[in-house]
Amino acid sequence: MSDLQCAATLLVARHGDAEYGHPSVLSDEGGWLSPKGIEQTTALAESLVGRRVAAVRTSPLVRAVQSGAVAAEVLGVDSRAVEGLEEFSVGALAGRPHDDPQLHSVFKAWLHGDTRRCIPGGETGEEVLTRYREALLSIADQFRGETVLVFSHGGVMSFALPRLSSHLRGDLAGAKFLPNCGVAEVAVDGDGFDVRTWPGSTDRAVV
């Protein structure tokens, strides 16, 4: 079997629970892990001890980097940040309420296939998909045949991962609310992405 056909297993997790300087408004700030987030991340890492995780990789945002550091200590591996795994930018909408209708309109358009729509001052859906795909491929290329824990973010995970895989059922792709430290198991090989498990829910209240 060639290296390209030898799948890397990426355990793509949302970061642990975080706190923010301005929690009621949209922002691109990194936030930081709350005590609850540290407990969640520790518990996740402990549950993966038997998986022989080779490394931890994270988005560059602080809440993900801190999640990676906690998990890496438990697992006894290194943790590094990878550009491209970060949450999609809210751009010029920063400072607006979290339920801002303009942001939700763009995100809904992305989910329905109009990935050319752009968040003002931010990214198009196509740009998000491209940089997320490239980031995951770069990790997979480095760890063929191994398992890597990857900390990312709920919004970009729920948008990008179902659209990178040709095998995720439609009902699961619609389960876009991801819990902190929820893990999507993704196999990456020469044939592309295969999302094997999905932690999302259709109901925000249960996550």
Protein backbone atom coordinates (compact mmCIF):
# COMPACT_ATOMS: atom_id res chain seq x y z
CA MET A 1 0.00 0.00 0.00
CA SER A 2 1.40 3.41 -0.98
CA ASP A 3 1.73 6.24 1.49
CA LEU A 4 -1.11 8.08 -0.28
CA GLN A 5 -3.44 5.10 0.23
CA CYS A 6 -2.42 4.66 3.88
CA ALA A 7 -5.07 6.61 5.74
CA ALA A 8 -4.33 9.10 8.48
CA THR A 9 -6.99 9.22 11.18
CA LEU A 10 -7.79 12.76 12.29
CA LEU A 11 -9.83 13.13 15.48
CA VAL A 12 -11.15 16.63 14.80
CA ALA A 13 -12.47 18.09 18.05
CA ARG A 14 -14.10 21.35 18.99
CA HIS A 15 -12.02 23.14 21.64
CA GLY A 16 -12.99 23.05 25.30
CA ASP A 17 -15.45 25.49 26.87
CA ALA A 18 -14.05 29.01 26.67
CA GLU A 19 -14.49 32.48 28.14
CA TYR A 20 -14.34 35.74 26.19
CA GLY A 21 -13.76 39.39 26.98
CA HIS A 22 -17.03 40.38 25.29
CA PRO A 23 -19.14 37.20 25.32
CA SER A 24 -22.39 38.74 24.05
CA VAL A 25 -21.09 40.03 20.73
CA LEU A 26 -19.42 38.64 17.60
CA SER A 27 -15.64 38.69 17.70
CA ASP A 28 -12.59 37.04 16.18
CA GLU A 29 -10.69 37.11 19.47
CA GLY A 30 -9.18 33.87 20.67
CA GLY A 31 -10.79 33.62 24.08
CA TRP A 32 -9.31 31.31 26.71
CA LEU A 33 -10.22 27.98 28.30
CA SER A 34 -12.52 28.12 31.29
CA PRO A 35 -12.02 25.73 34.23
CA LYS A 36 -14.83 23.66 32.71
CA GLY A 37 -12.97 23.66 29.40
CA ILE A 38 -9.82 22.34 31.06
CA GLU A 39 -11.83 19.51 32.63
CA GLN A 40 -13.49 18.68 29.29
CA THR A 41 -10.19 18.64 27.43
CA THR A 42 -8.49 16.52 30.07
CA ALA A 43 -11.36 14.03 29.99
CA LEU A 44 -11.20 13.84 26.19
CA ALA A 45 -7.46 13.20 26.21
CA GLU A 46 -7.78 10.54 28.90
CA SER A 47 -10.42 8.77 26.80
CA LEU A 48 -7.95 8.63 23.89
CA VAL A 49 -4.96 7.19 25.72
CA GLY A 50 -5.59 3.78 24.16
CA ARG A 51 -5.74 5.22 20.62
CA ARG A 52 -1.96 5.77 20.38
CA VAL A 53 -2.36 9.38 19.32
CA ALA A 54 0.85 10.46 17.58
CA ALA A 55 0.46 14.22 17.95
CA VAL A 56 -1.89 17.09 18.67
CA ARG A 57 -2.51 19.88 16.18
CA THR A 58 -4.60 22.98 16.77
CA SER A 59 -5.98 26.12 15.25
CA PRO A 60 -3.87 29.22 16.04
CA LEU A 61 -6.66 30.72 18.20
CA VAL A 62 -5.87 30.75 21.90
CA ARG A 63 -8.77 28.58 23.07
CA ALA A 64 -7.71 25.83 20.67
CA VAL A 65 -3.99 26.19 21.44
CA GLN A 66 -4.72 25.87 25.17
CA SER A 67 -6.92 22.82 24.53
CA GLY A 68 -4.05 21.27 22.60
CA ALA A 69 -1.57 21.95 25.39
CA VAL A 70 -3.80 20.29 27.99
CA ALA A 71 -4.43 17.24 25.80
CA ALA A 72 -0.79 16.89 24.73
CA GLU A 73 0.36 16.77 28.33
CA VAL A 74 -2.04 13.93 29.09
CA LEU A 75 -1.11 12.04 25.93
CA GLY A 76 2.63 12.65 26.17
CA VAL A 77 2.95 14.08 22.64
CA ASP A 78 3.70 17.45 21.08
CA SER A 79 1.13 20.09 20.18
CA ARG A 80 1.52 22.62 17.37
CA ALA A 81 -0.73 25.23 15.76
CA VAL A 82 -1.61 24.91 12.07
CA GLU A 83 -2.85 27.86 10.01
CA GLY A 84 -6.18 27.20 8.33
CA LEU A 85 -7.94 25.36 11.17
CA GLU A 86 -9.30 28.54 12.77
CA GLU A 87 -12.95 29.57 12.98
CA PHE A 88 -14.34 31.56 10.05
CA SER A 89 -13.86 35.29 10.56
CA VAL A 90 -16.82 37.53 11.38
CA GLY A 91 -14.96 40.38 9.67
CA ALA A 92 -16.77 43.72 9.68
CA LEU A 93 -19.62 42.22 11.71
CA ALA A 94 -17.49 42.18 14.86
CA GLY A 95 -19.29 43.87 17.73
CA ARG A 96 -22.77 42.88 16.59
CA PRO A 97 -24.95 40.51 18.65
CA HIS A 98 -24.35 36.77 18.26
CA ASP A 99 -27.72 36.34 16.57
CA ASP A 100 -26.91 38.96 13.92
CA PRO A 101 -29.17 38.19 10.93
CA GLN A 102 -26.58 39.13 8.31
CA LEU A 103 -24.07 36.58 9.57
CA HIS A 104 -26.74 33.91 9.85
CA SER A 105 -27.92 34.67 6.33
CA VAL A 106 -24.43 34.15 4.90
CA PHE A 107 -23.85 30.95 6.91
CA LYS A 108 -27.24 29.56 5.84
CA ALA A 109 -26.36 30.32 2.21
CA TRP A 110 -23.09 28.40 2.61
CA LEU A 111 -24.95 25.41 4.03
CA HIS A 112 -27.27 25.44 1.02
CA GLY A 113 -24.41 25.48 -1.46
CA ASP A 114 -23.91 29.19 -2.19
CA THR A 115 -20.29 29.23 -1.05
CA ARG A 116 -19.52 32.38 -3.05
CA ARG A 117 -21.32 34.49 -0.46
CA CYS A 118 -18.91 36.54 1.62
CA ILE A 119 -19.06 37.74 5.22
CA PRO A 120 -18.43 41.49 4.94
CA GLY A 121 -14.74 42.03 5.63
CA GLY A 122 -14.32 38.29 6.05
CA GLU A 123 -14.24 35.13 3.95
CA THR A 124 -16.35 33.41 1.32
CA GLY A 125 -17.45 29.86 1.95
CA GLU A 126 -15.12 28.71 -0.84
CA GLU A 127 -12.16 30.35 0.89
CA VAL A 128 -13.06 28.67 4.19
CA LEU A 129 -13.35 25.25 2.55
CA THR A 130 -10.07 25.65 0.69
CA ARG A 131 -7.93 26.64 3.65
CA TYR A 132 -9.57 24.07 5.95
CA ARG A 133 -9.04 21.27 3.43
CA GLU A 134 -5.40 22.25 2.90
CA ALA A 135 -4.74 22.38 6.65
CA LEU A 136 -6.18 18.91 7.24
CA LEU A 137 -4.34 17.48 4.22
CA SER A 138 -1.05 18.89 5.47
CA ILE A 139 -1.55 17.10 8.80
CA ALA A 140 -2.62 13.86 7.12
CA ASP A 141 0.40 13.92 4.80
CA GLN A 142 2.70 14.14 7.80
CA PHE A 143 0.98 11.34 9.74
CA ARG A 144 0.04 8.62 7.23
CA GLY A 145 -1.06 5.49 9.06
CA GLU A 146 -1.24 7.34 12.40
CA THR A 147 -3.84 9.05 14.55
CA VAL A 148 -3.77 12.79 15.32
CA LEU A 149 -5.99 14.82 17.64
CA VAL A 150 -6.92 18.12 15.98
CA PHE A 151 -8.55 20.99 17.90
CA SER A 152 -10.68 23.31 15.81
CA HIS A 153 -13.97 25.24 16.13
CA GLY A 154 -17.67 24.46 15.97
CA GLY A 155 -18.73 26.74 13.14
CA VAL A 156 -16.01 25.83 10.68
CA MET A 157 -16.24 22.13 11.58
CA SER A 158 -19.99 21.98 11.02
CA PHE A 159 -19.67 23.76 7.68
CA ALA A 160 -16.48 22.30 6.24
CA LEU A 161 -16.23 18.67 7.34
CA PRO A 162 -19.54 17.44 5.85
CA ARG A 163 -18.63 19.15 2.57
CA LEU A 164 -15.17 17.61 2.40
CA SER A 165 -16.59 14.10 2.77
CA SER A 166 -18.68 12.36 0.14
CA HIS A 167 -19.89 9.77 2.66
CA LEU A 168 -21.58 11.74 5.47
CA ARG A 169 -25.35 11.24 5.50
CA GLY A 170 -27.46 14.33 4.89
CA ASP A 171 -29.19 14.13 8.26
CA LEU A 172 -25.84 14.11 10.03
CA ALA A 173 -24.56 17.01 7.94
CA GLY A 174 -27.57 18.97 9.18
CA ALA A 175 -26.63 18.30 12.82
CA LYS A 176 -24.54 21.43 12.98
CA PHE A 177 -24.47 22.21 16.71
CA LEU A 178 -21.26 20.69 18.05
CA PRO A 179 -20.51 20.27 21.77
CA ASN A 180 -17.22 21.39 23.27
CA CYS A 181 -14.69 18.56 22.85
CA GLY A 182 -17.07 16.71 20.52
CA VAL A 183 -14.99 14.63 18.08
CA ALA A 184 -15.51 13.89 14.40
CA GLU A 185 -13.33 10.97 13.30
CA VAL A 186 -12.04 11.61 9.78
CA ALA A 187 -9.98 9.21 7.65
CA VAL A 188 -7.83 10.92 5.00
CA ASP A 189 -6.13 9.01 2.18
CA GLY A 190 -5.51 9.27 -1.54
CA ASP A 191 -9.25 8.96 -2.20
CA GLY A 192 -10.09 11.98 -0.05
CA PHE A 193 -11.96 12.49 3.22
CA ASP A 194 -14.23 10.00 4.97
CA VAL A 195 -16.06 11.34 8.04
CA ARG A 196 -16.63 8.17 10.03
CA THR A 197 -18.29 9.62 13.14
CA TRP A 198 -20.10 12.91 13.72
CA PRO A 199 -20.80 14.46 17.14
CA GLY A 200 -23.30 17.11 16.09
CA SER A 201 -26.88 17.69 17.15
CA THR A 202 -29.84 19.30 15.41
CA ASP A 203 -30.83 20.90 18.71
CA ARG A 204 -28.58 23.56 20.20
CA ALA A 205 -30.15 23.01 23.63
CA VAL A 206 -28.68 19.52 24.08
CA VAL A 207 -25.08 20.56 23.45
